[in-house]
Amino acid sequence: MTPQELRETVYKFQTSRIILTALELGIFTALGDKEKTSGEVSKTISTDLRATDRLMNSLCIIKLLLKKDGKFSNTSFSSQYLVQGNPDYISNLLHAVNLWDSWSNLTDVVRNGKPAGRTGSNRNDWLENFIEAMHYRALDQASEDISYLDLAGVQNVLDVGGGSAAFSMEFVKIKKEITATVFDLPEVIPLTQKYISNAGLSEKIRTIKGNYLFDDLGSGYDIIFLSAIVHSNSYEDNKKLIQKCANSLNQKGRLVIQDYAMNEERTSPPRGTFFAINMLVNTQGGDTFTQSEIYSWLTSAGLKELKSRETSHGATQITGRKL
């Protein structure tokens, strides 16, 4: 890296912040398929006129807006992907606003080892944005991830921390004999139920409210599925959770973990190394763990036939069987 490349990298935050603010304010949606002045947009979204104009000018430089004769319009890209209500709207981007807030405290987090935390006033928006972001990601991954699994004889699936139920939806769609259960926090489950209802799958997917670290998971499951879960917990909490999952499995049932599995140096995969920082600023003890650490939890819980495979989206799928 050259000094010039370093400077360019450091100042990339400006572009990111401009886009996130435009999304928060709904500028692209306010424009829709029309040409409007910054004054018209400012009135629609209740913002300062001069500030809105300068922000929209900068969006033209980023090539997300067009400007002609004092009027702004969406580009074909922003019209397709950044206008709420359109089929291709990238609905997970607002979660990046949440991450911006927490990552801004990284220096203090590294100094004192404590996560940035969230205030009560933004908790509901944070949660809805987070679940939507996870839903958007999971919809893109679920078909591939579930296709890796042998579902012969599988009837009951537990989706731990299942959020929007995106993976549960794929399980019940791919095999009609499967019934899925989403286990998640009491404040998450009402959102889960909306996603399930909107998908028309209320008869096939049920929900359980609870904290997976403290509450009973139930029993009689052929597969227990944990996607993007273990990185939220400490090493010891994961060890306890995997033991609970093993206890809840039927004989010959399988536990499936999908997450970043780091090399022993914790420098690969690169996205996992960066995600460890995300866990530093957002959780009390979360981290990305090495494959050997994940295997140690499964072995400690008495699971056998441990296998792993890389997914196309950078995570590793690790399975163990109860024999």
Protein backbone atom coordinates (compact mmCIF):
# COMPACT_ATOMS: atom_id res chain seq x y z
CA MET A 1 0.00 0.00 0.00
CA THR A 2 1.27 3.47 -0.90
CA PRO A 3 0.73 6.61 1.25
CA GLN A 4 -1.80 7.83 -1.32
CA GLU A 5 -3.72 4.54 -1.17
CA LEU A 6 -3.70 4.73 2.60
CA ARG A 7 -5.18 8.23 2.56
CA GLU A 8 -7.85 7.17 0.09
CA THR A 9 -8.75 4.17 2.23
CA VAL A 10 -8.97 6.25 5.41
CA TYR A 11 -11.32 8.81 3.83
CA LYS A 12 -13.69 6.28 2.29
CA PHE A 13 -15.86 6.75 5.38
CA GLN A 14 -17.16 9.97 3.83
CA THR A 15 -18.80 8.15 0.94
CA SER A 16 -20.27 5.56 3.30
CA ARG A 17 -21.72 8.20 5.63
CA ILE A 18 -23.29 10.15 2.74
CA ILE A 19 -25.06 7.02 1.47
CA LEU A 20 -26.22 5.95 4.93
CA THR A 21 -27.63 9.38 5.70
CA ALA A 22 -29.48 9.42 2.38
CA LEU A 23 -30.97 6.04 3.24
CA GLU A 24 -31.92 7.09 6.76
CA LEU A 25 -33.66 10.20 5.45
CA GLY A 26 -35.36 8.36 2.58
CA ILE A 27 -34.02 10.58 -0.19
CA PHE A 28 -34.11 7.93 -2.90
CA THR A 29 -37.65 6.95 -1.95
CA ALA A 30 -38.75 10.60 -1.87
CA LEU A 31 -37.55 11.00 -5.44
CA GLY A 32 -39.07 7.76 -6.69
CA ASP A 33 -39.40 7.96 -10.49
CA LYS A 34 -39.76 11.76 -10.55
CA GLU A 35 -37.42 14.70 -11.13
CA LYS A 36 -37.47 17.05 -8.14
CA THR A 37 -35.57 20.01 -6.77
CA SER A 38 -33.73 19.67 -3.49
CA GLY A 39 -36.34 22.02 -2.04
CA GLU A 40 -39.15 19.65 -2.97
CA VAL A 41 -37.28 16.71 -1.47
CA SER A 42 -36.42 18.72 1.64
CA LYS A 43 -40.09 19.52 2.18
CA THR A 44 -41.08 15.88 1.72
CA ILE A 45 -38.57 14.51 4.25
CA SER A 46 -38.66 17.52 6.63
CA THR A 47 -34.99 18.49 6.47
CA ASP A 48 -32.97 21.68 6.09
CA LEU A 49 -33.00 22.91 2.50
CA ARG A 50 -29.34 23.92 2.10
CA ALA A 51 -28.06 20.79 3.86
CA THR A 52 -30.31 18.57 1.76
CA ASP A 53 -29.12 20.23 -1.43
CA ARG A 54 -25.46 19.69 -0.56
CA LEU A 55 -26.08 16.08 0.36
CA MET A 56 -27.90 15.43 -2.91
CA ASN A 57 -25.09 17.08 -4.87
CA SER A 58 -22.64 14.67 -3.26
CA LEU A 59 -24.87 11.73 -4.21
CA CYS A 60 -24.46 12.82 -7.82
CA ILE A 61 -20.68 12.52 -7.46
CA ILE A 62 -21.16 9.01 -6.06
CA LYS A 63 -23.36 8.33 -9.12
CA LEU A 64 -26.47 7.46 -7.14
CA LEU A 65 -28.36 10.58 -8.29
CA LEU A 66 -28.52 12.58 -11.51
CA LYS A 67 -28.91 16.36 -11.72
CA LYS A 68 -30.09 18.42 -14.67
CA ASP A 69 -31.34 22.02 -14.75
CA GLY A 70 -31.50 22.13 -10.95
CA LYS A 71 -33.58 18.98 -10.62
CA PHE A 72 -32.50 15.63 -9.21
CA SER A 73 -33.54 12.11 -10.18
CA ASN A 74 -32.56 8.59 -9.26
CA THR A 75 -30.14 6.68 -11.45
CA SER A 76 -31.39 3.38 -12.85
CA PHE A 77 -29.40 1.64 -10.12
CA SER A 78 -30.75 3.66 -7.20
CA SER A 79 -34.26 3.49 -8.61
CA GLN A 80 -34.08 -0.31 -8.68
CA TYR A 81 -32.24 -0.99 -5.44
CA LEU A 82 -32.62 2.00 -3.10
CA VAL A 83 -36.30 2.95 -3.37
CA GLN A 84 -38.36 1.34 -0.63
CA GLY A 85 -41.23 -0.73 -1.92
CA ASN A 86 -39.49 -1.82 -5.10
CA PRO A 87 -38.99 -5.59 -5.46
CA ASP A 88 -35.17 -5.36 -5.54
CA TYR A 89 -34.85 -2.87 -2.66
CA ILE A 90 -31.71 -3.71 -0.66
CA SER A 91 -33.45 -3.81 2.69
CA ASN A 92 -30.46 -4.75 4.82
CA LEU A 93 -28.47 -1.55 4.37
CA LEU A 94 -30.06 0.31 7.27
CA HIS A 95 -28.42 -2.14 9.66
CA ALA A 96 -25.13 -0.54 8.59
CA VAL A 97 -26.35 2.62 10.36
CA ASN A 98 -26.49 0.63 13.58
CA LEU A 99 -22.98 -0.68 12.95
CA TRP A 100 -21.70 2.82 12.16
CA ASP A 101 -22.80 3.96 15.62
CA SER A 102 -21.10 1.08 17.42
CA TRP A 103 -17.94 1.02 15.28
CA SER A 104 -17.46 4.73 15.97
CA ASN A 105 -16.63 3.71 19.54
CA LEU A 106 -13.93 1.21 18.54
CA THR A 107 -11.10 3.18 20.13
CA ASP A 108 -12.84 3.19 23.53
CA VAL A 109 -13.82 -0.47 23.11
CA VAL A 110 -10.19 -1.47 22.57
CA ARG A 111 -9.10 0.65 25.54
CA ASN A 112 -11.54 -0.79 28.04
CA GLY A 113 -12.65 -4.10 26.49
CA LYS A 114 -16.34 -3.25 26.83
CA PRO A 115 -18.83 -3.17 23.91
CA ALA A 116 -20.28 0.11 22.72
CA GLY A 117 -23.83 -0.80 23.74
CA ARG A 118 -27.13 0.61 22.54
CA THR A 119 -29.47 3.11 24.14
CA GLY A 120 -33.07 2.22 24.95
CA SER A 121 -34.35 4.90 22.58
CA ASN A 122 -33.00 3.19 19.47
CA ARG A 123 -33.44 -0.44 20.56
CA ASN A 124 -36.61 -1.12 18.53
CA ASP A 125 -35.26 0.37 15.30
CA TRP A 126 -31.97 -1.43 15.85
CA LEU A 127 -33.72 -4.76 16.29
CA GLU A 128 -36.00 -4.42 13.26
CA ASN A 129 -33.10 -3.30 11.06
CA PHE A 130 -30.95 -6.16 12.34
CA ILE A 131 -33.58 -8.85 11.71
CA GLU A 132 -34.28 -7.45 8.24
CA ALA A 133 -30.56 -7.47 7.46
CA MET A 134 -30.25 -11.08 8.59
CA HIS A 135 -33.36 -12.01 6.60
CA TYR A 136 -32.01 -10.43 3.43
CA ARG A 137 -28.69 -12.24 3.84
CA ALA A 138 -30.28 -15.58 4.71
CA LEU A 139 -32.65 -15.52 1.73
CA ASP A 140 -29.60 -15.34 -0.51
CA GLN A 141 -27.86 -18.23 1.27
CA ALA A 142 -30.55 -20.60 2.53
CA SER A 143 -31.10 -22.64 -0.61
CA GLU A 144 -27.40 -23.45 -0.98
CA ASP A 145 -26.84 -24.06 2.74
CA ILE A 146 -29.77 -26.43 3.22
CA SER A 147 -28.97 -28.28 -0.01
CA TYR A 148 -25.71 -29.44 1.56
CA LEU A 149 -27.62 -31.40 4.21
CA ASP A 150 -28.92 -34.95 3.97
CA LEU A 151 -32.55 -34.62 5.04
CA ALA A 152 -33.42 -38.32 4.83
CA GLY A 153 -35.55 -39.18 7.86
CA VAL A 154 -35.62 -35.58 9.10
CA GLN A 155 -38.98 -34.40 10.41
CA ASN A 156 -38.32 -31.94 13.24
CA VAL A 157 -35.87 -29.04 12.92
CA LEU A 158 -34.95 -26.51 15.60
CA ASP A 159 -33.66 -23.18 14.29
CA VAL A 160 -31.83 -21.61 17.25
CA GLY A 161 -31.75 -17.82 17.10
CA GLY A 162 -33.67 -18.15 13.84
CA GLY A 163 -34.72 -14.50 13.61
CA SER A 164 -36.89 -14.07 10.54
CA ALA A 165 -37.18 -17.86 10.05
CA ALA A 166 -35.55 -17.64 6.62
CA PHE A 167 -33.67 -20.92 7.06
CA SER A 168 -36.71 -22.61 8.61
CA MET A 169 -38.71 -21.57 5.57
CA GLU A 170 -36.19 -23.27 3.31
CA PHE A 171 -36.29 -26.46 5.39
CA VAL A 172 -40.08 -26.79 5.19
CA LYS A 173 -40.17 -25.85 1.49
CA ILE A 174 -37.51 -28.34 0.45
CA LYS A 175 -39.19 -31.27 2.21
CA LYS A 176 -42.91 -31.30 3.01
CA GLU A 177 -42.52 -33.77 5.92
CA ILE A 178 -40.44 -31.28 7.92
CA THR A 179 -41.85 -29.10 10.66
CA ALA A 180 -39.56 -26.35 11.96
CA THR A 181 -39.36 -24.47 15.25
CA VAL A 182 -37.71 -21.08 15.63
CA PHE A 183 -36.29 -20.39 19.09
CA ASP A 184 -35.48 -16.72 19.73
CA LEU A 185 -35.75 -13.90 22.26
CA PRO A 186 -39.19 -12.68 23.37
CA GLU A 187 -38.71 -9.34 21.62
CA VAL A 188 -37.71 -11.05 18.37
CA ILE A 189 -40.50 -13.63 18.09
CA PRO A 190 -43.27 -11.12 17.15
CA LEU A 191 -41.10 -10.11 14.18
CA THR A 192 -40.46 -13.79 13.40
CA GLN A 193 -44.17 -14.49 13.33
CA LYS A 194 -44.76 -11.66 10.85
CA TYR A 195 -42.20 -13.07 8.44
CA ILE A 196 -43.69 -16.57 8.80
CA SER A 197 -47.22 -15.30 8.26
CA ASN A 198 -46.21 -13.25 5.22
CA ALA A 199 -44.66 -16.39 3.73
CA GLY A 200 -47.87 -18.35 4.35
CA LEU A 201 -46.05 -20.93 6.48
CA SER A 202 -47.72 -20.57 9.88
CA GLU A 203 -48.89 -24.19 9.73
CA LYS A 204 -45.35 -25.49 9.21
CA ILE A 205 -43.22 -23.28 11.46
CA ARG A 206 -43.83 -22.68 15.13
CA THR A 207 -42.00 -20.39 17.53
CA ILE A 208 -40.63 -20.56 21.07
CA LYS A 209 -39.70 -17.50 23.11
CA GLY A 210 -36.62 -17.72 25.29
CA ASN A 211 -32.93 -17.13 25.84
CA TYR A 212 -30.99 -20.06 24.42
CA LEU A 213 -28.30 -19.72 27.08
CA PHE A 214 -30.73 -20.13 29.98
CA ASP A 215 -34.05 -21.59 28.81
CA ASP A 216 -35.05 -25.09 27.77
CA LEU A 217 -34.80 -25.75 24.04
CA GLY A 218 -37.24 -28.67 24.05
CA SER A 219 -36.42 -32.09 22.67
CA GLY A 220 -37.11 -34.51 19.83
CA TYR A 221 -35.21 -32.73 17.09
CA ASP A 222 -33.58 -34.43 14.12
CA ILE A 223 -31.56 -31.35 13.21
CA ILE A 224 -30.64 -28.36 15.34
CA PHE A 225 -29.48 -25.49 13.15
CA LEU A 226 -27.31 -22.60 14.37
CA SER A 227 -26.54 -20.08 11.64
CA ALA A 228 -24.54 -16.99 12.65
CA ILE A 229 -25.09 -17.75 16.33
CA VAL A 230 -21.85 -18.88 17.95
CA HIS A 231 -20.02 -15.65 17.06
CA SER A 232 -22.40 -13.79 19.41
CA ASN A 233 -21.28 -15.74 22.48
CA SER A 234 -18.16 -16.32 24.53
CA TYR A 235 -16.20 -19.56 24.28
CA GLU A 236 -17.67 -20.91 27.51
CA ASP A 237 -21.24 -19.92 26.63
CA ASN A 238 -20.90 -21.71 23.31
CA LYS A 239 -19.63 -24.82 25.04
CA LYS A 240 -22.74 -24.83 27.25
CA LEU A 241 -25.06 -24.07 24.33
CA ILE A 242 -23.67 -26.92 22.22
CA GLN A 243 -24.15 -29.30 25.13
CA LYS A 244 -27.77 -28.15 25.47
CA CYS A 245 -28.31 -28.70 21.77
CA ALA A 246 -26.81 -32.18 21.94
CA ASN A 247 -29.14 -33.04 24.82
CA SER A 248 -32.14 -31.90 22.74
CA LEU A 249 -31.30 -34.01 19.70
CA ASN A 250 -32.87 -37.34 18.88
CA GLN A 251 -30.51 -40.29 18.62
CA LYS A 252 -28.64 -39.97 15.30
CA GLY A 253 -29.75 -36.34 15.14
CA ARG A 254 -27.35 -33.72 13.85
CA LEU A 255 -26.17 -30.35 15.03
CA VAL A 256 -25.34 -27.89 12.24
CA ILE A 257 -23.21 -24.80 12.90
CA GLN A 258 -22.70 -22.16 10.23
CA ASP A 259 -20.23 -19.41 11.01
CA TYR A 260 -16.76 -18.13 10.29
CA ALA A 261 -14.22 -20.82 11.19
CA MET A 262 -10.87 -19.13 11.64
CA ASN A 263 -7.43 -20.56 11.06
CA GLU A 264 -5.20 -20.95 14.11
CA GLU A 265 -3.61 -17.53 13.51
CA ARG A 266 -7.11 -15.93 13.35
CA THR A 267 -6.17 -14.10 10.15
CA SER A 268 -8.24 -16.12 7.67
CA PRO A 269 -10.85 -15.91 6.34
CA PRO A 270 -10.35 -12.11 6.14
CA ARG A 271 -14.05 -11.37 6.62
CA GLY A 272 -13.98 -13.39 9.81
CA THR A 273 -11.07 -11.33 11.13
CA PHE A 274 -13.01 -8.11 10.52
CA PHE A 275 -16.14 -9.67 11.98
CA ALA A 276 -14.28 -10.31 15.23
CA ILE A 277 -14.03 -6.52 15.53
CA ASN A 278 -17.77 -6.28 14.90
CA MET A 279 -18.30 -8.60 17.85
CA LEU A 280 -15.94 -6.55 20.01
CA VAL A 281 -17.98 -3.40 19.57
CA ASN A 282 -21.42 -5.04 19.70
CA THR A 283 -21.29 -7.93 22.19
CA GLN A 284 -19.98 -8.71 25.65
CA GLY A 285 -18.04 -11.84 24.76
CA GLY A 286 -18.68 -12.59 21.10
CA ASP A 287 -15.86 -13.50 18.75
CA THR A 288 -15.02 -15.51 15.68
CA PHE A 289 -13.63 -18.90 16.67
CA THR A 290 -11.17 -21.32 15.15
CA GLN A 291 -12.35 -24.57 13.64
CA SER A 292 -10.51 -26.47 16.35
CA GLU A 293 -12.39 -24.51 19.03
CA ILE A 294 -15.73 -25.29 17.39
CA TYR A 295 -14.78 -28.96 17.10
CA SER A 296 -13.86 -28.99 20.79
CA TRP A 297 -17.41 -27.95 21.76
CA LEU A 298 -18.91 -30.70 19.62
CA THR A 299 -16.52 -33.32 20.98
CA SER A 300 -17.15 -32.22 24.56
CA ALA A 301 -20.90 -32.60 23.95
CA GLY A 302 -20.35 -36.20 22.78
CA LEU A 303 -21.10 -35.57 19.12
CA LYS A 304 -19.39 -37.72 16.51
CA GLU A 305 -18.80 -37.82 12.75
CA LEU A 306 -17.62 -34.21 12.71
CA LYS A 307 -17.52 -32.73 9.22
CA SER A 308 -16.95 -29.30 7.74
CA ARG A 309 -17.43 -27.72 4.34
CA GLU A 310 -16.87 -24.22 3.02
CA THR A 311 -19.83 -22.28 1.68
CA SER A 312 -19.75 -19.88 -1.24
CA HIS A 313 -20.52 -16.94 1.07
CA GLY A 314 -17.42 -17.34 3.23
CA ALA A 315 -18.80 -19.17 6.24
CA THR A 316 -18.08 -22.78 7.17
CA GLN A 317 -20.78 -25.37 7.77
CA ILE A 318 -19.79 -27.79 10.55
CA THR A 319 -21.90 -30.79 11.53
CA GLY A 320 -21.81 -33.39 14.28
CA ARG A 321 -24.05 -36.38 14.95
CA LYS A 322 -25.48 -37.78 18.19
CA LEU A 323 -24.72 -41.51 18.27
